[in-house]
């Protein structure tokens, strides 16, 4: 019943939302299985998934790896305060953070700190090298405050769609 589908403010109807919800749980689901779960034909699902990808709702499909099994035992959050807010210094920091493989996320913030980084390190000496030799040497960095994660209470990549 195409006429009964509700459209969200983002231009998605309830079927698009259902597809995105399923893909967030298992991006490797086949179009045939997705079609079966949502009572649609395979070609209709394929067409909708491709449209959602083209429109940017699905940015990319990745494998989520177990960091601890891969020897990345330390996850930390690093607050970064810049000495001054010059555009070139902020840009240099952004570019450098993007190039550092230890940095999983970098967020520009308001408030006391200018950036928040989520970083991984296999051990304490590696974390120290990241902080002392890489981050603190970026021009304009004033101070760093690091918090080591003791345990992950919740970790999800699922965006609420309701």
Protein backbone atom coordinates (compact mmCIF):
# COMPACT_ATOMS: atom_id res chain seq x y z
CA UNK A 1 0.00 0.00 0.00
CA UNK A 2 2.26 2.79 -1.25
CA UNK A 3 -0.26 5.50 -0.33
CA UNK A 4 -0.20 4.54 3.35
CA UNK A 5 3.54 5.09 3.84
CA UNK A 6 4.37 7.92 6.20
CA UNK A 7 7.18 10.27 5.12
CA UNK A 8 9.65 11.67 7.66
CA UNK A 9 11.11 15.16 7.66
CA UNK A 10 14.18 13.72 5.92
CA UNK A 11 12.15 12.46 2.98
CA UNK A 12 12.26 8.85 4.12
CA UNK A 13 9.13 6.74 4.26
CA UNK A 14 8.53 3.97 6.77
CA UNK A 15 9.95 1.36 4.38
CA UNK A 16 13.18 3.35 3.96
CA UNK A 17 13.45 3.55 7.75
CA UNK A 18 12.87 -0.20 8.05
CA UNK A 19 15.59 -0.88 5.46
CA UNK A 20 18.05 1.40 7.24
CA UNK A 21 17.22 -0.21 10.58
CA UNK A 22 17.93 -3.69 9.20
CA UNK A 23 21.17 -2.55 7.55
CA UNK A 24 22.40 -1.01 10.81
CA UNK A 25 22.02 -4.38 12.54
CA UNK A 26 23.59 -6.42 9.71
CA UNK A 27 24.95 -4.66 6.63
CA UNK A 28 25.80 -8.03 5.07
CA UNK A 29 22.15 -9.07 4.89
CA UNK A 30 21.28 -10.17 1.35
CA UNK A 31 18.74 -8.21 -0.61
CA UNK A 32 16.70 -11.43 -0.88
CA UNK A 33 16.56 -11.82 2.91
CA UNK A 34 15.82 -8.12 3.37
CA UNK A 35 13.00 -8.38 0.81
CA UNK A 36 11.59 -11.43 2.64
CA UNK A 37 11.65 -9.64 6.02
CA UNK A 38 9.96 -6.54 4.63
CA UNK A 39 7.55 -8.33 2.26
CA UNK A 40 8.89 -6.70 -0.90
CA UNK A 41 10.43 -8.00 -4.11
CA UNK A 42 14.19 -8.32 -4.45
CA UNK A 43 14.40 -5.72 -7.26
CA UNK A 44 12.35 -3.23 -5.21
CA UNK A 45 14.69 -3.64 -2.21
CA UNK A 46 17.78 -3.39 -4.43
CA UNK A 47 16.46 -0.18 -6.00
CA UNK A 48 15.67 1.38 -2.61
CA UNK A 49 19.03 0.43 -1.06
CA UNK A 50 20.87 1.90 -4.06
CA UNK A 51 18.80 5.10 -3.80
CA UNK A 52 19.55 5.39 -0.06
CA UNK A 53 23.27 4.97 -0.85
CA UNK A 54 23.14 7.57 -3.66
CA UNK A 55 21.35 10.04 -1.37
CA UNK A 56 24.05 9.59 1.27
CA UNK A 57 21.93 7.95 3.98
CA UNK A 58 24.30 4.96 3.78
CA UNK A 59 27.77 6.48 3.76
CA UNK A 60 29.71 3.21 3.66
CA UNK A 61 29.59 -0.38 4.81
CA UNK A 62 32.40 -1.54 7.09
CA UNK A 63 33.41 -4.43 9.33
CA UNK A 64 33.53 -3.60 13.04
CA UNK A 65 36.67 -5.17 14.47
CA UNK A 66 37.43 -6.23 18.04
CA UNK A 67 40.15 -3.82 19.16
CA UNK A 68 41.23 -5.93 22.12
CA UNK A 69 41.69 -9.08 20.03
CA UNK A 70 43.86 -6.93 17.75
CA UNK A 71 46.05 -5.81 20.66
CA UNK A 72 44.65 -2.29 21.04
CA UNK A 73 44.05 -2.57 24.78
CA UNK A 74 44.02 1.14 25.68
CA UNK A 75 41.16 3.30 24.53
CA UNK A 76 41.39 6.90 25.71
CA UNK A 77 39.72 10.23 25.30
CA UNK A 78 42.08 13.15 24.90
CA UNK A 79 40.84 16.70 25.47
CA UNK A 80 42.93 19.25 23.58
CA UNK A 81 43.08 22.94 24.43
CA UNK A 82 44.64 25.19 21.82
CA UNK A 83 46.77 28.18 22.86
CA UNK A 84 44.94 30.47 20.46
CA UNK A 85 42.09 30.05 18.03
CA UNK A 86 43.83 31.00 14.81
CA UNK A 87 42.27 29.50 11.74
CA UNK A 88 45.59 28.17 10.45
CA UNK A 89 46.44 26.48 13.78
CA UNK A 90 43.00 24.87 14.00
CA UNK A 91 43.36 23.68 10.41
CA UNK A 92 46.82 22.26 11.10
CA UNK A 93 45.48 20.40 14.12
CA UNK A 94 42.55 18.98 12.14
CA UNK A 95 44.79 17.84 9.28
CA UNK A 96 47.31 16.23 11.63
CA UNK A 97 44.62 14.45 13.66
CA UNK A 98 43.13 13.03 10.45
CA UNK A 99 46.50 11.54 9.49
CA UNK A 100 47.18 9.84 12.84
CA UNK A 101 46.06 6.20 12.69
CA UNK A 102 45.70 6.06 16.50
CA UNK A 103 42.96 8.72 16.34
CA UNK A 104 39.59 7.07 15.71
CA UNK A 105 37.52 10.22 16.14
CA UNK A 106 38.23 13.93 16.34
CA UNK A 107 35.55 16.42 17.35
CA UNK A 108 35.82 20.23 17.41
CA UNK A 109 34.07 21.45 20.57
CA UNK A 110 32.78 24.47 22.36
CA UNK A 111 33.72 25.01 26.00
CA UNK A 112 36.96 24.63 27.93
CA UNK A 113 38.59 22.31 25.38
CA UNK A 114 38.76 22.77 21.64
CA UNK A 115 38.97 19.15 20.50
CA UNK A 116 38.05 15.74 21.83
CA UNK A 117 39.90 12.75 20.42
CA UNK A 118 39.06 9.09 20.80
CA UNK A 119 42.35 7.21 20.49
CA UNK A 120 43.63 3.65 20.66
CA UNK A 121 47.02 2.39 21.79
CA UNK A 122 48.33 -1.11 22.38
CA UNK A 123 50.06 -0.16 25.66
CA UNK A 124 51.11 2.69 27.95
CA UNK A 125 54.44 3.46 26.17
CA UNK A 126 52.59 3.76 22.85
CA UNK A 127 50.06 6.11 24.43
CA UNK A 128 52.88 8.18 25.88
CA UNK A 129 54.55 8.46 22.44
CA UNK A 130 51.25 9.56 20.90
CA UNK A 131 50.74 12.25 23.54
CA UNK A 132 54.32 13.51 23.88
CA UNK A 133 55.78 13.06 20.40
CA UNK A 134 52.76 13.50 18.16
CA UNK A 135 49.90 15.46 19.73
CA UNK A 136 51.75 17.89 21.99
CA UNK A 137 54.11 18.87 19.15
CA UNK A 138 51.32 20.08 16.85
CA UNK A 139 51.69 23.87 16.52
CA UNK A 140 49.22 25.70 18.74
CA UNK A 141 48.42 22.87 21.15
CA UNK A 142 48.33 24.30 24.67
CA UNK A 143 47.45 21.34 26.86
CA UNK A 144 46.17 17.81 26.79
CA UNK A 145 44.02 15.99 29.30
CA UNK A 146 43.75 12.24 28.86
CA UNK A 147 41.18 9.86 30.31
CA UNK A 148 41.77 6.12 30.02
CA UNK A 149 38.66 4.02 29.46
CA UNK A 150 38.32 1.36 32.16
CA UNK A 151 35.42 -0.44 30.47
CA UNK A 152 32.97 0.20 27.66
CA UNK A 153 29.52 0.40 29.21
CA UNK A 154 27.77 0.98 25.88
CA UNK A 155 29.11 1.02 22.36
CA UNK A 156 26.83 1.19 19.38
CA UNK A 157 26.92 2.45 15.84
CA UNK A 158 23.13 2.37 15.56
CA UNK A 159 21.42 5.72 14.98
CA UNK A 160 17.85 5.94 16.39
CA UNK A 161 15.46 6.26 13.45
CA UNK A 162 12.08 6.72 15.16
